[in-house]
């Protein structure tokens, strides 16, 4: 079963409850067969699919795609986490350095798929996530768009644009373009 770290659940809960009302995230998880703990431990692993279901319901109410919902949650996750866990690294790292650690960061937050750096020139990055479960394509694409854009901005990148180049069931190719 594919899992994500508790930080993704923490931010998902906040986002869903803001849109659907207090306790909505726990109710959606229960409907998906997962009993939510009172507190999601940031370093613990939780199943990705129930989280995706809960985000899907909130996304539909908001009138956005599930991928866009994941992008919003991933951005929040990056803003919360990168100011704490990676605080020192983010202060001294340039965007190209942050992106060179993308594969390691991917494995920090999910236990599925494999992130690979294909090209990492200043201002122009190309990467791929391979072998992720096809049913989690929206999570993968949204996480890349939300988290990487925010991480590069925090490292001093300007006019950051993360774009999904191609997406098939087992492979997502993406670019990150930025100034600075």
Protein backbone atom coordinates (compact mmCIF):
# COMPACT_ATOMS: atom_id res chain seq x y z
CA UNK A 1 0.00 0.00 0.00
CA UNK A 2 1.45 3.43 -0.93
CA UNK A 3 1.95 5.79 1.98
CA UNK A 4 2.65 9.45 2.66
CA UNK A 5 4.14 11.15 5.67
CA UNK A 6 2.00 12.61 8.41
CA UNK A 7 2.82 16.15 7.29
CA UNK A 8 0.72 15.58 4.14
CA UNK A 9 -2.16 14.36 6.30
CA UNK A 10 -1.79 17.33 8.65
CA UNK A 11 -2.08 19.83 5.80
CA UNK A 12 -4.80 17.83 4.04
CA UNK A 13 -6.89 17.84 7.21
CA UNK A 14 -6.56 21.61 7.53
CA UNK A 15 -7.46 22.18 3.87
CA UNK A 16 -10.44 19.80 3.76
CA UNK A 17 -11.84 21.01 7.07
CA UNK A 18 -11.59 24.63 5.86
CA UNK A 19 -13.68 23.77 2.81
CA UNK A 20 -16.11 21.12 4.10
CA UNK A 21 -16.25 22.06 7.79
CA UNK A 22 -14.61 20.82 10.98
CA UNK A 23 -14.31 17.05 11.14
CA UNK A 24 -14.96 16.57 7.41
CA UNK A 25 -11.51 15.11 6.77
CA UNK A 26 -11.99 12.44 9.45
CA UNK A 27 -15.46 11.61 8.09
CA UNK A 28 -14.11 11.25 4.55
CA UNK A 29 -11.30 9.02 5.76
CA UNK A 30 -13.80 6.85 7.65
CA UNK A 31 -15.92 6.55 4.49
CA UNK A 32 -12.77 5.31 2.74
CA UNK A 33 -12.25 2.69 5.46
CA UNK A 34 -9.47 4.45 7.37
CA UNK A 35 -9.97 5.52 10.99
CA UNK A 36 -8.15 8.81 11.46
CA UNK A 37 -6.09 9.20 14.60
CA UNK A 38 -6.70 12.29 16.72
CA UNK A 39 -3.24 13.55 15.76
CA UNK A 40 -1.21 12.71 12.67
CA UNK A 41 2.41 12.21 13.68
CA UNK A 42 4.58 14.12 11.23
CA UNK A 43 7.18 11.38 10.77
CA UNK A 44 4.74 8.45 10.62
CA UNK A 45 3.42 6.90 7.42
CA UNK A 46 -0.28 6.89 6.46
CA UNK A 47 -2.10 5.40 3.45
CA UNK A 48 -2.25 7.73 0.44
CA UNK A 49 -5.51 6.55 -1.13
CA UNK A 50 -7.91 7.57 1.69
CA UNK A 51 -6.26 11.01 1.75
CA UNK A 52 -6.79 11.32 -1.99
CA UNK A 53 -10.48 10.47 -1.59
CA UNK A 54 -10.94 13.15 1.07
CA UNK A 55 -9.14 15.73 -1.06
CA UNK A 56 -11.25 14.72 -4.05
CA UNK A 57 -14.50 15.54 -2.26
CA UNK A 58 -13.20 18.93 -1.12
CA UNK A 59 -11.80 19.69 -4.58
CA UNK A 60 -15.18 18.94 -6.17
CA UNK A 61 -16.92 21.32 -3.75
CA UNK A 62 -14.35 24.00 -4.54
CA UNK A 63 -14.64 23.41 -8.30
CA UNK A 64 -10.99 22.46 -8.88
CA UNK A 65 -9.24 19.29 -9.97
CA UNK A 66 -7.83 16.77 -7.50
CA UNK A 67 -4.37 17.58 -8.88
CA UNK A 68 -4.91 21.27 -8.07
CA UNK A 69 -6.06 20.30 -4.56
CA UNK A 70 -2.85 18.32 -4.05
CA UNK A 71 -0.83 21.29 -5.34
CA UNK A 72 -2.44 23.54 -2.70
CA UNK A 73 -1.82 21.01 0.07
CA UNK A 74 1.78 20.39 -1.08
CA UNK A 75 2.46 24.13 -1.10
CA UNK A 76 1.22 24.37 2.49
CA UNK A 77 3.30 21.34 3.42
CA UNK A 78 6.43 22.91 1.94
CA UNK A 79 5.82 26.23 3.67
CA UNK A 80 5.38 24.48 7.02
CA UNK A 81 8.14 21.89 6.70
CA UNK A 82 10.90 23.71 4.88
CA UNK A 83 10.92 26.45 7.49
CA UNK A 84 11.57 23.86 10.20
CA UNK A 85 13.15 20.58 9.09
CA UNK A 86 15.23 22.04 6.25
CA UNK A 87 15.55 25.58 7.64
CA UNK A 88 19.36 25.83 7.51
CA UNK A 89 19.62 24.13 4.11
CA UNK A 90 17.01 26.47 2.61
CA UNK A 91 18.86 29.55 3.89
CA UNK A 92 22.11 28.67 2.12
CA UNK A 93 20.89 26.69 -0.87
CA UNK A 94 20.36 28.16 -4.31
CA UNK A 95 17.45 26.80 -6.36
CA UNK A 96 19.75 24.54 -8.39
CA UNK A 97 21.00 22.96 -5.18
CA UNK A 98 17.50 22.46 -3.79
CA UNK A 99 16.44 20.75 -7.01
CA UNK A 100 19.52 18.50 -6.94
CA UNK A 101 18.12 17.11 -3.68
CA UNK A 102 14.64 16.59 -5.12
CA UNK A 103 14.91 12.81 -5.30
CA UNK A 104 15.91 12.66 -1.64
CA UNK A 105 13.08 14.99 -0.66
CA UNK A 106 10.58 12.85 -2.63
CA UNK A 107 11.56 9.78 -0.61
CA UNK A 108 11.19 11.80 2.60
CA UNK A 109 7.49 12.41 1.95
CA UNK A 110 6.26 9.32 0.09
CA UNK A 111 7.22 5.63 0.06
CA UNK A 112 6.32 4.98 -3.56
CA UNK A 113 7.73 5.89 -6.94
CA UNK A 114 11.24 7.05 -7.67
CA UNK A 115 12.24 10.62 -8.46
CA UNK A 116 15.11 11.07 -10.89
CA UNK A 117 16.92 14.25 -11.94
CA UNK A 118 17.42 14.27 -15.72
CA UNK A 119 18.82 17.81 -16.10
CA UNK A 120 19.59 20.46 -13.52
CA UNK A 121 20.96 23.62 -15.10
CA UNK A 122 20.47 26.97 -13.37
CA UNK A 123 16.96 28.10 -14.25
CA UNK A 124 16.09 24.92 -16.14
CA UNK A 125 15.32 21.61 -14.41
CA UNK A 126 13.93 18.39 -15.88
CA UNK A 127 12.93 15.45 -13.71
CA UNK A 128 10.79 12.36 -13.70
CA UNK A 129 8.87 10.32 -11.14
CA UNK A 130 8.76 6.68 -12.18
CA UNK A 131 6.87 3.64 -10.94
CA UNK A 132 4.29 5.48 -8.83
CA UNK A 133 0.91 3.74 -8.58
CA UNK A 134 -1.21 4.94 -11.53
CA UNK A 135 -4.17 5.72 -9.27
CA UNK A 136 -2.01 8.32 -7.50
CA UNK A 137 -1.20 10.36 -10.61
CA UNK A 138 -3.08 13.40 -9.28
CA UNK A 139 -1.15 13.24 -6.02
CA UNK A 140 2.20 12.93 -7.84
CA UNK A 141 1.52 15.82 -10.23
CA UNK A 142 0.02 18.07 -7.59
CA UNK A 143 2.83 17.37 -5.13
CA UNK A 144 5.46 18.22 -7.74
CA UNK A 145 3.74 21.44 -8.75
CA UNK A 146 2.99 22.65 -5.22
CA UNK A 147 6.04 21.50 -3.29
CA UNK A 148 8.81 22.16 -5.83
CA UNK A 149 7.52 25.57 -6.82
CA UNK A 150 7.43 26.60 -3.16
CA UNK A 151 10.86 25.09 -2.39
CA UNK A 152 12.50 26.91 -5.30
CA UNK A 153 10.83 30.18 -4.29
CA UNK A 154 12.07 29.73 -0.72
CA UNK A 155 15.60 29.18 -2.06
CA UNK A 156 15.48 32.50 -3.90
CA UNK A 157 14.03 31.50 -7.28
CA UNK A 158 11.86 34.10 -9.01
CA UNK A 159 9.06 33.57 -11.56
CA UNK A 160 9.02 29.86 -10.75
CA UNK A 161 6.93 27.65 -13.02
CA UNK A 162 6.64 23.91 -12.44
CA UNK A 163 4.95 22.18 -15.37
CA UNK A 164 3.96 18.59 -16.01
CA UNK A 165 5.44 17.73 -19.42
CA UNK A 166 4.01 14.24 -19.77
CA UNK A 167 1.97 11.94 -17.61
CA UNK A 168 1.31 8.29 -18.23
CA UNK A 169 0.31 5.59 -15.76
CA UNK A 170 3.85 4.82 -14.57
CA UNK A 171 5.85 7.96 -15.42
CA UNK A 172 5.47 11.70 -14.85
CA UNK A 173 7.98 14.01 -16.48
CA UNK A 174 8.16 17.62 -15.27
CA UNK A 175 10.12 20.83 -15.62
CA UNK A 176 10.90 23.64 -13.24
CA UNK A 177 11.86 26.98 -14.83
CA UNK A 178 12.91 29.96 -12.76
CA UNK A 179 15.02 33.09 -12.63
CA UNK A 180 17.79 33.58 -10.12
